[in-house]
Amino acid sequence: MKNLFGKRKEPLTNTQLLMTITIGIFVVMYILAMTLLGGGFLHTQQIFDMLNDNASLIIVSCGLTIVMIGGGIDISVGAVTSLVVMSCVLYLNNGGNVFVSILLALGIGLGFGLVQGFLVSYLEIQPFIVTLAGMFFARGMTTILSVNPQKVDHAAFSKLRDAKIEISWLGYTAKNGNVVPARIELGVVVALACIVLVFILLKYLRLGRNFYAMGGNQTSALMLGINVKRTRFMSYILSGLLSGISGFVFMMHTGAGNATNAAGMEMNAIASSIIGGTLLTGGVGNVIGTLFGTLTLTTIKKIVVSSGLNDPWWQSITTGGMLCFFILLQSVVLSRRSKGKKS
């Protein structure tokens, strides 16, 4: 197939195809919400609120996307995020420094990434078992630190938490005639920076290409001279680091710590990655798709609430339905695509 300039047009890869489908579904879903429900969906602040509320989830999902592209899984990310939040809250409340608390968050995430990555990569223990143990360990440590909710009482951190980027021309006019500017939290900036960096890693760096090769076919990756153990080890280190960053961003958003912080975040991160086009079998995925997977998941939840179904189980039911739909869609699309190539 040729384009207008006579050059042959390359077909979309599986990653690009699934990402395009996710973006298309999100756009259609949001337009329908604007048309049928109106309300907050008509304001750009709704999009920014979705990003503000889910910045930490987006960061965790980026790390999980890396691991899943490599053919692995990490279900400890939510518990590690909770541990980071509680550790940083207690440290700051005891006269700690904000910069050191950031290093503490990164250190906890890196520690989990190193240990779990070593067990999975070099001792070849099943990743589900290793990260399940990591999840229980992190939850237990969080409870040991404090079983009661802890609010951050730190002047410098409060300034950082309350800082927001205001964009007046993207705001809206309230009923009283005042212009309300669009507000973006600093955590969103961190999340978008993580997306850009991970995108560059996966798209342009050798390590990123090794993740795809390892997840697509480990035997072929070995034949190409890729150090599979080291590559898998690096995927878990990156996932751990991003979990640490996610914990600090989560604390910036809530300003408090709780033993149940980020409960179920790992399941939402897996759902966001899958909806965004990442395959559980590995070799296919993209963080841009993961971003829109998170937004799609959040949009369907907001649609459910706006429709009057406020009970929490309706959100769980719709999340499960969306996940099944996207898994089935991926299976059908890739199956037909494979048959088309063979024919």
Protein backbone atom coordinates (compact mmCIF):
# COMPACT_ATOMS: atom_id res chain seq x y z
CA MET A 1 0.00 0.00 0.00
CA LYS A 2 1.40 3.41 -1.01
CA ASN A 3 0.74 6.90 0.31
CA LEU A 4 0.29 10.13 -1.67
CA PHE A 5 4.04 10.51 -2.17
CA GLY A 6 4.40 7.11 -3.75
CA LYS A 7 6.20 5.60 -0.78
CA ARG A 8 5.13 2.29 0.61
CA LYS A 9 3.10 2.67 3.81
CA GLU A 10 4.23 0.39 6.62
CA PRO A 11 1.40 -1.49 8.39
CA LEU A 12 0.72 -0.76 12.04
CA THR A 13 2.47 -2.99 14.55
CA ASN A 14 0.36 -4.89 17.09
CA THR A 15 1.37 -2.35 19.73
CA GLN A 16 0.35 0.62 17.58
CA LEU A 17 -2.91 -1.04 16.50
CA LEU A 18 -4.07 -1.85 20.05
CA MET A 19 -3.03 1.61 21.28
CA THR A 20 -5.02 3.25 18.46
CA ILE A 21 -8.09 1.19 19.33
CA THR A 22 -7.84 2.22 23.00
CA ILE A 23 -7.50 5.92 22.16
CA GLY A 24 -10.44 5.70 19.76
CA ILE A 25 -12.65 4.01 22.34
CA PHE A 26 -11.72 6.60 24.98
CA VAL A 27 -12.55 9.51 22.64
CA VAL A 28 -15.90 8.00 21.63
CA MET A 29 -16.76 7.18 25.25
CA TYR A 30 -15.94 10.69 26.46
CA ILE A 31 -17.88 12.37 23.63
CA LEU A 32 -20.91 10.21 24.46
CA ALA A 33 -20.56 11.21 28.14
CA MET A 34 -20.45 14.89 27.15
CA THR A 35 -23.49 14.49 24.90
CA LEU A 36 -25.69 12.33 27.13
CA LEU A 37 -24.65 13.34 30.66
CA GLY A 38 -23.20 16.83 30.27
CA GLY A 39 -22.32 18.30 33.66
CA GLY A 40 -18.65 18.14 34.53
CA PHE A 41 -17.84 16.29 31.31
CA LEU A 42 -18.34 19.58 29.44
CA HIS A 43 -15.44 21.24 31.29
CA THR A 44 -11.77 20.61 30.60
CA GLN A 45 -11.24 20.50 34.37
CA GLN A 46 -12.86 17.05 34.30
CA ILE A 47 -9.91 15.72 32.31
CA PHE A 48 -7.46 17.45 34.63
CA ASP A 49 -9.27 16.06 37.69
CA MET A 50 -8.98 12.58 36.22
CA LEU A 51 -5.24 13.14 35.88
CA ASN A 52 -4.95 14.71 39.34
CA ASP A 53 -6.75 11.80 41.00
CA ASN A 54 -4.88 9.11 39.08
CA ALA A 55 -1.34 10.46 38.74
CA SER A 56 0.07 7.83 41.10
CA LEU A 57 -1.87 5.07 39.31
CA ILE A 58 -0.48 6.23 35.97
CA ILE A 59 3.09 6.04 37.31
CA VAL A 60 2.58 2.55 38.76
CA SER A 61 0.95 1.42 35.51
CA CYS A 62 4.01 2.57 33.57
CA GLY A 63 6.21 0.31 35.69
CA LEU A 64 3.81 -2.59 35.36
CA THR A 65 3.67 -2.07 31.60
CA ILE A 66 7.45 -2.49 31.41
CA VAL A 67 7.29 -5.73 33.41
CA MET A 68 4.34 -7.09 31.39
CA ILE A 69 6.00 -6.26 28.06
CA GLY A 70 8.89 -8.42 29.25
CA GLY A 71 6.51 -11.27 29.98
CA GLY A 72 6.43 -10.83 33.76
CA ILE A 73 3.99 -9.59 36.40
CA ASP A 74 4.32 -7.52 39.58
CA ILE A 75 1.39 -7.51 41.99
CA SER A 76 3.33 -5.86 44.82
CA VAL A 77 3.21 -2.32 43.38
CA GLY A 78 0.13 -1.19 45.31
CA ALA A 79 1.47 -2.44 48.66
CA VAL A 80 4.88 -0.86 47.99
CA THR A 81 3.13 2.43 47.24
CA SER A 82 1.29 2.19 50.59
CA LEU A 83 4.54 1.46 52.44
CA VAL A 84 6.23 4.43 50.80
CA VAL A 85 3.36 6.75 51.74
CA MET A 86 3.30 5.68 55.39
CA SER A 87 7.09 5.77 55.72
CA CYS A 88 7.35 9.27 54.26
CA VAL A 89 4.43 10.60 56.32
CA LEU A 90 5.97 9.39 59.60
CA TYR A 91 9.41 10.65 58.59
CA LEU A 92 8.11 14.13 57.75
CA ASN A 93 6.00 14.31 60.91
CA ASN A 94 9.13 13.63 62.93
CA GLY A 95 10.95 16.65 61.57
CA GLY A 96 12.24 15.13 58.35
CA ASN A 97 13.38 16.92 55.21
CA VAL A 98 11.27 16.86 52.03
CA PHE A 99 14.23 16.10 49.78
CA VAL A 100 15.34 13.23 52.01
CA SER A 101 11.77 11.89 52.04
CA ILE A 102 11.91 11.73 48.24
CA LEU A 103 15.15 9.73 48.52
CA LEU A 104 13.45 7.50 51.09
CA ALA A 105 10.59 6.82 48.69
CA LEU A 106 12.99 5.97 45.87
CA GLY A 107 15.07 3.81 48.21
CA ILE A 108 12.10 1.72 49.34
CA GLY A 109 10.94 1.21 45.75
CA LEU A 110 14.46 0.37 44.59
CA GLY A 111 14.89 -2.09 47.47
CA PHE A 112 11.79 -4.05 46.48
CA GLY A 113 12.81 -3.93 42.82
CA LEU A 114 16.29 -5.28 43.55
CA VAL A 115 15.16 -8.15 45.79
CA GLN A 116 12.19 -9.22 43.68
CA GLY A 117 14.12 -8.79 40.45
CA PHE A 118 16.97 -10.96 41.75
CA LEU A 119 14.62 -13.72 42.90
CA VAL A 120 12.70 -13.74 39.62
CA SER A 121 15.62 -13.29 37.23
CA TYR A 122 18.57 -15.10 38.74
CA LEU A 123 16.90 -17.68 41.01
CA GLU A 124 14.12 -18.18 38.43
CA ILE A 125 11.26 -18.21 40.94
CA GLN A 126 7.82 -17.59 39.48
CA PRO A 127 7.17 -13.81 39.42
CA PHE A 128 3.63 -14.19 40.71
CA ILE A 129 4.86 -15.99 43.84
CA VAL A 130 7.72 -13.55 44.44
CA THR A 131 5.62 -10.42 44.05
CA LEU A 132 2.77 -11.95 46.05
CA ALA A 133 5.23 -12.41 48.92
CA GLY A 134 6.44 -8.84 48.35
CA MET A 135 2.86 -7.59 48.51
CA PHE A 136 2.19 -9.30 51.87
CA PHE A 137 5.53 -8.13 53.26
CA ALA A 138 4.90 -4.51 52.26
CA ARG A 139 1.37 -4.56 53.68
CA GLY A 140 2.64 -6.03 56.94
CA MET A 141 5.39 -3.42 57.22
CA THR A 142 2.88 -0.64 56.56
CA THR A 143 0.67 -1.92 59.40
CA ILE A 144 3.66 -2.18 61.74
CA LEU A 145 4.52 1.47 61.07
CA SER A 146 1.00 2.60 61.96
CA VAL A 147 -2.51 1.17 61.99
CA ASN A 148 -4.06 4.63 62.34
CA PRO A 149 -4.39 7.27 59.61
CA GLN A 150 -1.58 9.81 59.70
CA LYS A 151 -1.88 13.33 58.30
CA VAL A 152 1.26 15.09 57.13
CA ASP A 153 2.09 18.01 59.41
CA HIS A 154 5.05 19.61 57.68
CA ALA A 155 5.16 23.23 56.48
CA ALA A 156 7.50 22.74 53.49
CA PHE A 157 5.61 19.67 52.29
CA SER A 158 2.27 21.49 52.66
CA LYS A 159 3.50 24.18 50.27
CA LEU A 160 4.55 21.50 47.81
CA ARG A 161 1.22 19.70 48.15
CA ASP A 162 -0.86 22.86 47.70
CA ALA A 163 1.13 24.10 44.69
CA LYS A 164 -0.88 23.89 41.47
CA ILE A 165 -0.43 24.98 37.89
CA GLU A 166 -3.30 27.22 36.78
CA ILE A 167 -4.29 27.61 33.13
CA SER A 168 -6.90 30.36 32.89
CA TRP A 169 -7.76 29.98 29.21
CA LEU A 170 -8.71 26.32 29.75
CA GLY A 171 -10.98 27.19 32.66
CA TYR A 172 -14.73 27.81 32.68
CA THR A 173 -17.15 30.48 33.82
CA ALA A 174 -19.06 29.61 36.98
CA LYS A 175 -22.73 30.47 37.58
CA ASN A 176 -21.73 33.56 39.56
CA GLY A 177 -19.79 34.85 36.55
CA ASN A 178 -16.32 34.21 37.94
CA VAL A 179 -13.76 32.50 35.71
CA VAL A 180 -12.45 29.31 37.31
CA PRO A 181 -9.03 28.41 35.85
CA ALA A 182 -8.05 24.83 35.13
CA ARG A 183 -5.81 23.46 37.89
CA ILE A 184 -3.15 20.77 37.53
CA GLU A 185 -1.31 19.28 40.49
CA LEU A 186 2.46 18.84 40.43
CA GLY A 187 1.94 15.08 40.63
CA VAL A 188 0.48 15.15 37.12
CA VAL A 189 3.64 16.81 35.83
CA VAL A 190 5.67 14.01 37.44
CA ALA A 191 3.39 11.37 35.93
CA LEU A 192 3.64 12.87 32.43
CA ALA A 193 7.43 13.09 32.78
CA CYS A 194 7.52 9.39 33.71
CA ILE A 195 5.42 8.56 30.64
CA VAL A 196 7.79 10.50 28.37
CA LEU A 197 10.90 8.88 29.85
CA VAL A 198 9.46 5.35 29.69
CA PHE A 199 8.24 5.98 26.14
CA ILE A 200 11.76 7.03 25.09
CA LEU A 201 13.19 3.97 26.85
CA LEU A 202 10.87 1.54 25.10
CA LYS A 203 10.96 3.23 21.72
CA TYR A 204 14.57 4.31 21.22
CA LEU A 205 16.89 2.60 23.69
CA ARG A 206 18.37 -0.88 23.38
CA LEU A 207 17.11 -1.91 26.81
CA GLY A 208 13.54 -1.10 25.76
CA ARG A 209 13.86 -3.15 22.58
CA ASN A 210 15.25 -5.99 24.68
CA PHE A 211 12.10 -5.92 26.83
CA TYR A 212 9.97 -6.45 23.71
CA ALA A 213 12.25 -9.18 22.38
CA MET A 214 12.29 -11.01 25.72
CA GLY A 215 8.52 -10.83 26.10
CA GLY A 216 7.87 -11.81 22.49
CA ASN A 217 10.05 -14.93 22.49
CA GLN A 218 12.65 -15.62 25.15
CA THR A 219 14.41 -18.29 23.09
CA SER A 220 14.79 -15.94 20.14
CA ALA A 221 16.04 -13.21 22.49
CA LEU A 222 18.76 -15.55 23.76
CA MET A 223 19.74 -16.42 20.20
CA LEU A 224 20.07 -12.69 19.45
CA GLY A 225 22.60 -12.40 22.25
CA ILE A 226 20.31 -10.61 24.72
CA ASN A 227 21.11 -11.17 28.39
CA VAL A 228 17.59 -12.21 29.37
CA LYS A 229 18.28 -12.47 33.10
CA ARG A 230 19.76 -8.99 33.30
CA THR A 231 16.98 -7.55 31.14
CA ARG A 232 14.28 -9.06 33.34
CA PHE A 233 16.15 -7.86 36.43
CA MET A 234 16.13 -4.31 35.05
CA SER A 235 12.38 -4.45 34.40
CA TYR A 236 11.69 -5.15 38.08
CA ILE A 237 14.12 -2.46 39.21
CA LEU A 238 12.28 0.09 37.06
CA SER A 239 8.92 -1.10 38.36
CA GLY A 240 10.14 -0.72 41.93
CA LEU A 241 11.51 2.77 41.32
CA LEU A 242 8.26 3.89 39.71
CA SER A 243 6.33 2.45 42.66
CA GLY A 244 8.47 4.60 44.96
CA ILE A 245 7.76 7.70 42.87
CA SER A 246 4.07 6.76 42.84
CA GLY A 247 4.01 6.61 46.63
CA PHE A 248 5.38 10.14 47.00
CA VAL A 249 2.97 11.48 44.36
CA PHE A 250 0.10 9.71 46.14
CA MET A 251 1.12 11.44 49.39
CA MET A 252 1.27 14.81 47.57
CA HIS A 253 -2.31 14.28 46.42
CA THR A 254 -3.85 13.06 49.70
CA GLY A 255 -1.55 14.69 52.25
CA ALA A 256 -2.00 11.70 54.53
CA GLY A 257 -1.02 8.09 55.10
CA ASN A 258 -3.17 5.08 55.91
CA ALA A 259 -2.59 1.34 56.18
CA THR A 260 -5.15 0.88 53.41
CA ASN A 261 -3.58 3.44 51.08
CA ALA A 262 -3.52 2.36 47.45
CA ALA A 263 -5.58 -0.75 48.25
CA GLY A 264 -6.25 -2.55 44.97
CA MET A 265 -3.94 -0.24 43.01
CA GLU A 266 -2.07 -3.21 41.53
CA MET A 267 -5.29 -4.59 40.06
CA ASN A 268 -6.22 -1.19 38.61
CA ALA A 269 -2.71 -0.87 37.18
CA ILE A 270 -2.97 -4.28 35.51
CA ALA A 271 -6.41 -3.35 34.16
CA SER A 272 -5.11 -0.01 32.84
CA SER A 273 -2.18 -1.71 31.11
CA ILE A 274 -4.37 -4.36 29.51
CA ILE A 275 -7.01 -1.85 28.39
CA GLY A 276 -4.14 0.23 26.98
CA GLY A 277 -3.06 -2.66 24.75
CA THR A 278 -0.42 -4.47 26.82
CA LEU A 279 -0.62 -8.25 26.49
CA LEU A 280 -0.20 -10.48 29.53
CA THR A 281 1.82 -12.85 27.34
CA GLY A 282 4.39 -10.10 26.73
CA GLY A 283 6.00 -8.50 23.68
CA VAL A 284 3.21 -5.97 23.02
CA GLY A 285 2.47 -2.74 24.86
CA ASN A 286 3.01 1.01 25.02
CA VAL A 287 2.88 3.55 27.87
CA ILE A 288 0.82 5.98 25.76
CA GLY A 289 -1.79 3.25 25.50
CA THR A 290 -1.47 2.69 29.25
CA LEU A 291 -2.20 6.38 29.88
CA PHE A 292 -5.37 6.20 27.81
CA GLY A 293 -6.19 2.86 29.43
CA THR A 294 -6.17 4.61 32.80
CA LEU A 295 -8.30 7.47 31.46
CA THR A 296 -10.74 5.00 29.88
CA LEU A 297 -11.07 3.09 33.15
CA THR A 298 -11.63 6.32 35.08
CA THR A 299 -14.13 7.64 32.54
CA ILE A 300 -16.32 4.54 32.70
CA LYS A 301 -16.33 4.79 36.51
CA LYS A 302 -17.38 8.45 36.36
CA ILE A 303 -20.10 7.61 33.84
CA VAL A 304 -21.44 4.95 36.22
CA VAL A 305 -21.50 7.43 39.14
CA SER A 306 -23.05 10.18 36.99
CA SER A 307 -25.75 7.73 35.93
CA GLY A 308 -26.87 7.43 39.56
CA LEU A 309 -25.26 4.07 40.32
CA ASN A 310 -23.31 5.23 43.37
CA ASP A 311 -22.87 1.83 45.03
CA PRO A 312 -19.19 0.74 44.86
CA TRP A 313 -19.96 -2.70 43.44
CA TRP A 314 -21.25 -1.13 40.21
CA GLN A 315 -17.79 0.30 39.56
CA SER A 316 -16.24 -3.13 40.18
CA ILE A 317 -18.73 -4.76 37.84
CA THR A 318 -18.11 -2.25 35.06
CA THR A 319 -14.32 -2.53 35.53
CA GLY A 320 -14.56 -6.31 35.20
CA GLY A 321 -16.79 -5.98 32.16
CA MET A 322 -14.42 -3.49 30.50
CA LEU A 323 -11.44 -5.74 31.19
CA CYS A 324 -13.17 -8.77 29.67
CA PHE A 325 -14.23 -6.71 26.67
CA PHE A 326 -10.70 -5.47 25.95
CA ILE A 327 -9.13 -8.90 26.45
CA LEU A 328 -11.65 -10.38 24.01
CA LEU A 329 -11.11 -7.48 21.60
CA GLN A 330 -7.33 -7.94 21.69
CA SER A 331 -7.70 -11.66 21.09
CA VAL A 332 -10.03 -11.20 18.12
CA VAL A 333 -7.99 -8.38 16.53
CA LEU A 334 -4.64 -10.15 16.84
CA SER A 335 -6.10 -13.47 15.73
CA ARG A 336 -7.60 -11.97 12.55
CA ARG A 337 -4.40 -10.02 11.98
CA SER A 338 -2.33 -13.21 12.27
CA LYS A 339 -4.62 -15.07 9.84
CA GLY A 340 -4.43 -12.15 7.40
CA LYS A 341 -0.64 -12.24 7.40
CA LYS A 342 -0.61 -16.00 6.79
CA SER A 343 -3.04 -15.71 3.92
